[in-house]
């Protein structure tokens, strides 16, 4: 049982390292992480009574 937990721990560490590496190196390989941007305007009516 201890061996399984140890291997799952190692796998979780490797997955975290891979995720951080993909976040930093992804733009060099064509992954675009920027959200689509557009301007949004809404009128707000304040009730000042």
PDB file of N, CA and C in Angstrom:
ATOM      1  N   UNK A   1       0.823  -1.192   0.000  1.00  0.00           N
ATOM      2  CA  UNK A   1       0.000   0.000   0.000  1.00  0.00           C
ATOM      3  C   UNK A   1       0.872   1.262   0.000  1.00  0.00           C
ATOM      4  N   UNK A   2       1.969   1.188   0.727  1.00  0.00           N
ATOM      5  CA  UNK A   2       2.870   2.332   0.783  1.00  0.00           C
ATOM      6  C   UNK A   2       3.547   2.603  -0.545  1.00  0.00           C
ATOM      7  N   UNK A   3       3.804   1.547  -1.305  1.00  0.00           N
ATOM      8  CA  UNK A   3       4.446   1.733  -2.617  1.00  0.00           C
ATOM      9  C   UNK A   3       3.509   2.468  -3.564  1.00  0.00           C
ATOM     10  N   UNK A   4       2.224   2.136  -3.508  1.00  0.00           N
ATOM     11  CA  UNK A   4       1.250   2.794  -4.397  1.00  0.00           C
ATOM     12  C   UNK A   4       1.152   4.276  -4.065  1.00  0.00           C
ATOM     13  N   UNK A   5       1.087   4.585  -2.778  1.00  0.00           N
ATOM     14  CA  UNK A   5       0.996   5.996  -2.374  1.00  0.00           C
ATOM     15  C   UNK A   5       2.259   6.743  -2.777  1.00  0.00           C
ATOM     16  N   UNK A   6       3.412   6.103  -2.635  1.00  0.00           N
ATOM     17  CA  UNK A   6       4.669   6.748  -3.023  1.00  0.00           C
ATOM     18  C   UNK A   6       4.691   7.021  -4.521  1.00  0.00           C
ATOM     19  N   UNK A   7       4.259   6.057  -5.339  1.00  0.00           N
ATOM     20  CA  UNK A   7       4.241   6.258  -6.790  1.00  0.00           C
ATOM     21  C   UNK A   7       3.206   7.298  -7.196  1.00  0.00           C
ATOM     22  N   UNK A   8       2.060   7.341  -6.512  1.00  0.00           N
ATOM     23  CA  UNK A   8       1.068   8.380  -6.803  1.00  0.00           C
ATOM     24  C   UNK A   8       1.603   9.761  -6.445  1.00  0.00           C
ATOM     25  N   UNK A   9       2.364   9.844  -5.367  1.00  0.00           N
ATOM     26  CA  UNK A   9       2.989  11.104  -4.993  1.00  0.00           C
ATOM     27  C   UNK A   9       3.996  11.543  -6.055  1.00  0.00           C
ATOM     28  N   UNK A  10       4.833  10.623  -6.514  1.00  0.00           N
ATOM     29  CA  UNK A  10       5.785  10.947  -7.576  1.00  0.00           C
ATOM     30  C   UNK A  10       5.071  11.361  -8.862  1.00  0.00           C
ATOM     31  N   UNK A  11       3.999  10.680  -9.181  1.00  0.00           N
ATOM     32  CA  UNK A  11       3.229  11.016 -10.381  1.00  0.00           C
ATOM     33  C   UNK A  11       2.598  12.399 -10.266  1.00  0.00           C
ATOM     34  N   UNK A  12       2.101  12.743  -9.080  1.00  0.00           N
ATOM     35  CA  UNK A  12       1.519  14.072  -8.874  1.00  0.00           C
ATOM     36  C   UNK A  12       2.583  15.158  -9.005  1.00  0.00           C
ATOM     37  N   UNK A  13       3.775  14.910  -8.498  1.00  0.00           N
ATOM     38  CA  UNK A  13       4.874  15.884  -8.618  1.00  0.00           C
ATOM     39  C   UNK A  13       5.256  16.067 -10.087  1.00  0.00           C
ATOM     40  N   UNK A  14       5.371  14.966 -10.821  1.00  0.00           N
ATOM     41  CA  UNK A  14       5.700  15.063 -12.249  1.00  0.00           C
ATOM     42  C   UNK A  14       4.601  15.771 -13.035  1.00  0.00           C
ATOM     43  N   UNK A  15       3.345  15.531 -12.685  1.00  0.00           N
ATOM     44  CA  UNK A  15       2.241  16.212 -13.360  1.00  0.00           C
ATOM     45  C   UNK A  15       2.277  17.714 -13.086  1.00  0.00           C
ATOM     46  N   UNK A  16       2.598  18.108 -11.868  1.00  0.00           N
ATOM     47  CA  UNK A  16       2.693  19.529 -11.539  1.00  0.00           C
ATOM     48  C   UNK A  16       3.839  20.188 -12.296  1.00  0.00           C
ATOM     49  N   UNK A  17       4.962  19.512 -12.394  1.00  0.00           N
ATOM     50  CA  UNK A  17       6.103  20.048 -13.142  1.00  0.00           C
ATOM     51  C   UNK A  17       5.752  20.161 -14.624  1.00  0.00           C
ATOM     52  N   UNK A  18       5.052  19.164 -15.162  1.00  0.00           N
ATOM     53  CA  UNK A  18       4.654  19.210 -16.567  1.00  0.00           C
ATOM     54  C   UNK A  18       3.664  20.347 -16.821  1.00  0.00           C
ATOM     55  N   UNK A  19       2.747  20.584 -15.893  1.00  0.00           N
ATOM     56  CA  UNK A  19       1.776  21.668 -16.058  1.00  0.00           C
ATOM     57  C   UNK A  19       2.456  23.032 -16.040  1.00  0.00           C
ATOM     58  N   UNK A  20       3.386  23.221 -15.122  1.00  0.00           N
ATOM     59  CA  UNK A  20       4.121  24.490 -15.062  1.00  0.00           C
ATOM     60  C   UNK A  20       4.980  24.656 -16.310  1.00  0.00           C
ATOM     61  N   UNK A  21       5.612  23.590 -16.756  1.00  0.00           N
ATOM     62  CA  UNK A  21       6.411  23.663 -17.978  1.00  0.00           C
ATOM     63  C   UNK A  21       5.576  23.993 -19.192  1.00  0.00           C
ATOM     64  N   UNK A  22       4.388  23.416 -19.272  1.00  0.00           N
ATOM     65  CA  UNK A  22       3.503  23.720 -20.401  1.00  0.00           C
ATOM     66  C   UNK A  22       3.018  25.166 -20.350  1.00  0.00           C
ATOM     67  N   UNK A  23       2.767  25.667 -19.152  1.00  0.00           N
ATOM     68  CA  UNK A  23       2.319  27.052 -19.017  1.00  0.00           C
ATOM     69  C   UNK A  23       3.407  28.021 -19.470  1.00  0.00           C
ATOM     70  N   UNK A  24       4.665  27.713 -19.166  1.00  0.00           N
ATOM     71  CA  UNK A  24       5.753  28.610 -19.550  1.00  0.00           C
ATOM     72  C   UNK A  24       6.216  28.394 -20.990  1.00  0.00           C
ATOM     73  N   UNK A  25       6.241  27.164 -21.448  1.00  0.00           N
ATOM     74  CA  UNK A  25       6.785  26.872 -22.774  1.00  0.00           C
ATOM     75  C   UNK A  25       5.715  26.745 -23.853  1.00  0.00           C
ATOM     76  N   UNK A  26       4.455  26.716 -23.484  1.00  0.00           N
ATOM     77  CA  UNK A  26       3.369  26.565 -24.446  1.00  0.00           C
ATOM     78  C   UNK A  26       3.346  27.629 -25.531  1.00  0.00           C
ATOM     79  N   UNK A  27       3.511  28.915 -25.200  1.00  0.00           N
ATOM     80  CA  UNK A  27       3.504  29.936 -26.252  1.00  0.00           C
ATOM     81  C   UNK A  27       4.604  29.765 -27.299  1.00  0.00           C
ATOM     82  N   UNK A  28       5.718  29.145 -26.940  1.00  0.00           N
ATOM     83  CA  UNK A  28       6.778  28.907 -27.914  1.00  0.00           C
ATOM     84  C   UNK A  28       6.391  27.823 -28.923  1.00  0.00           C
ATOM     85  N   UNK A  29       5.452  26.957 -28.531  1.00  0.00           N
ATOM     86  CA  UNK A  29       5.027  25.863 -29.403  1.00  0.00           C
ATOM     87  C   UNK A  29       3.671  26.111 -30.042  1.00  0.00           C
ATOM     88  N   UNK A  30       3.157  27.336 -29.944  1.00  0.00           N
ATOM     89  CA  UNK A  30       1.929  27.695 -30.637  1.00  0.00           C
ATOM     90  C   UNK A  30       0.669  27.689 -29.790  1.00  0.00           C
ATOM     91  N   UNK A  31       0.753  27.429 -28.508  1.00  0.00           N
ATOM     92  CA  UNK A  31      -0.422  27.471 -27.643  1.00  0.00           C
ATOM     93  C   UNK A  31      -0.663  28.914 -27.213  1.00  0.00           C
ATOM     94  N   UNK A  32      -1.868  29.395 -27.405  1.00  0.00           N
ATOM     95  CA  UNK A  32      -2.208  30.770 -27.062  1.00  0.00           C
ATOM     96  C   UNK A  32      -3.154  30.746 -25.868  1.00  0.00           C
ATOM     97  N   UNK A  33      -2.711  31.291 -24.745  1.00  0.00           N
ATOM     98  CA  UNK A  33      -3.495  31.241 -23.517  1.00  0.00           C
ATOM     99  C   UNK A  33      -4.259  32.535 -23.241  1.00  0.00           C
ATOM    100  N   UNK A  34      -4.170  33.522 -24.118  1.00  0.00           N
ATOM    101  CA  UNK A  34      -4.847  34.787 -23.867  1.00  0.00           C
ATOM    102  C   UNK A  34      -6.342  34.643 -24.153  1.00  0.00           C
ATOM    103  N   UNK A  35      -7.168  35.192 -23.278  1.00  0.00           N
ATOM    104  CA  UNK A  35      -8.606  35.116 -23.519  1.00  0.00           C
ATOM    105  C   UNK A  35      -9.015  36.088 -24.620  1.00  0.00           C
ATOM    106  N   UNK A  36     -10.091  35.808 -25.335  1.00  0.00           N
ATOM    107  CA  UNK A  36     -10.566  36.765 -26.338  1.00  0.00           C
ATOM    108  C   UNK A  36     -11.035  38.040 -25.645  1.00  0.00           C
ATOM    109  N   UNK A  37     -10.568  39.162 -26.147  1.00  0.00           N
ATOM    110  CA  UNK A  37     -10.912  40.429 -25.492  1.00  0.00           C
ATOM    111  C   UNK A  37     -11.820  41.250 -26.392  1.00  0.00           C
ATOM    112  N   UNK A  38     -12.776  41.885 -25.748  1.00  0.00           N
ATOM    113  CA  UNK A  38     -13.666  42.813 -26.444  1.00  0.00           C
ATOM    114  C   UNK A  38     -14.156  43.837 -25.424  1.00  0.00           C
ATOM    115  N   UNK A  39     -14.480  45.006 -25.921  1.00  0.00           N
ATOM    116  CA  UNK A  39     -14.944  46.066 -25.055  1.00  0.00           C
ATOM    117  C   UNK A  39     -16.434  45.888 -24.784  1.00  0.00           C
ATOM    118  N   UNK A  40     -16.801  46.004 -23.521  1.00  0.00           N
ATOM    119  CA  UNK A  40     -18.205  45.881 -23.124  1.00  0.00           C
ATOM    120  C   UNK A  40     -18.617  47.169 -22.441  1.00  0.00           C
ATOM    121  N   UNK A  41     -19.689  47.780 -22.932  1.00  0.00           N
ATOM    122  CA  UNK A  41     -20.213  48.998 -22.327  1.00  0.00           C
ATOM    123  C   UNK A  41     -21.665  48.768 -21.945  1.00  0.00           C
ATOM    124  N   UNK A  42     -21.977  49.074 -20.714  1.00  0.00           N
ATOM    125  CA  UNK A  42     -23.344  48.969 -20.222  1.00  0.00           C
ATOM    126  C   UNK A  42     -23.683  50.252 -19.478  1.00  0.00           C
ATOM    127  N   UNK A  43     -24.892  50.736 -19.696  1.00  0.00           N
ATOM    128  CA  UNK A  43     -25.329  51.907 -18.956  1.00  0.00           C
ATOM    129  C   UNK A  43     -25.878  51.457 -17.617  1.00  0.00           C
ATOM    130  N   UNK A  44     -25.560  52.238 -16.611  1.00  0.00           N
ATOM    131  CA  UNK A  44     -26.007  51.960 -15.241  1.00  0.00           C
ATOM    132  C   UNK A  44     -26.796  53.142 -14.755  1.00  0.00           C
ATOM    133  N   UNK A  45     -28.023  52.865 -14.333  1.00  0.00           N
ATOM    134  CA  UNK A  45     -28.857  53.932 -13.790  1.00  0.00           C
ATOM    135  C   UNK A  45     -28.860  53.804 -12.265  1.00  0.00           C
ATOM    136  N   UNK A  46     -28.419  54.890 -11.608  1.00  0.00           N
ATOM    137  CA  UNK A  46     -28.377  54.895 -10.147  1.00  0.00           C
ATOM    138  C   UNK A  46     -29.652  55.528  -9.614  1.00  0.00           C
ATOM    139  N   UNK A  47     -30.263  54.878  -8.654  1.00  0.00           N
ATOM    140  CA  UNK A  47     -31.466  55.417  -8.022  1.00  0.00           C
ATOM    141  C   UNK A  47     -31.022  56.276  -6.856  1.00  0.00           C
ATOM    142  N   UNK A  48     -31.035  57.613  -7.033  1.00  0.00           N
ATOM    143  CA  UNK A  48     -30.532  58.534  -6.003  1.00  0.00           C
ATOM    144  C   UNK A  48     -31.681  59.260  -5.343  1.00  0.00           C
ATOM    145  N   UNK A  49     -32.495  58.575  -4.659  1.00  0.00           N
ATOM    146  CA  UNK A  49     -33.612  59.210  -3.918  1.00  0.00           C
ATOM    147  C   UNK A  49     -33.332  59.275  -2.466  1.00  0.00           C
TER     148      UNK A  49
END
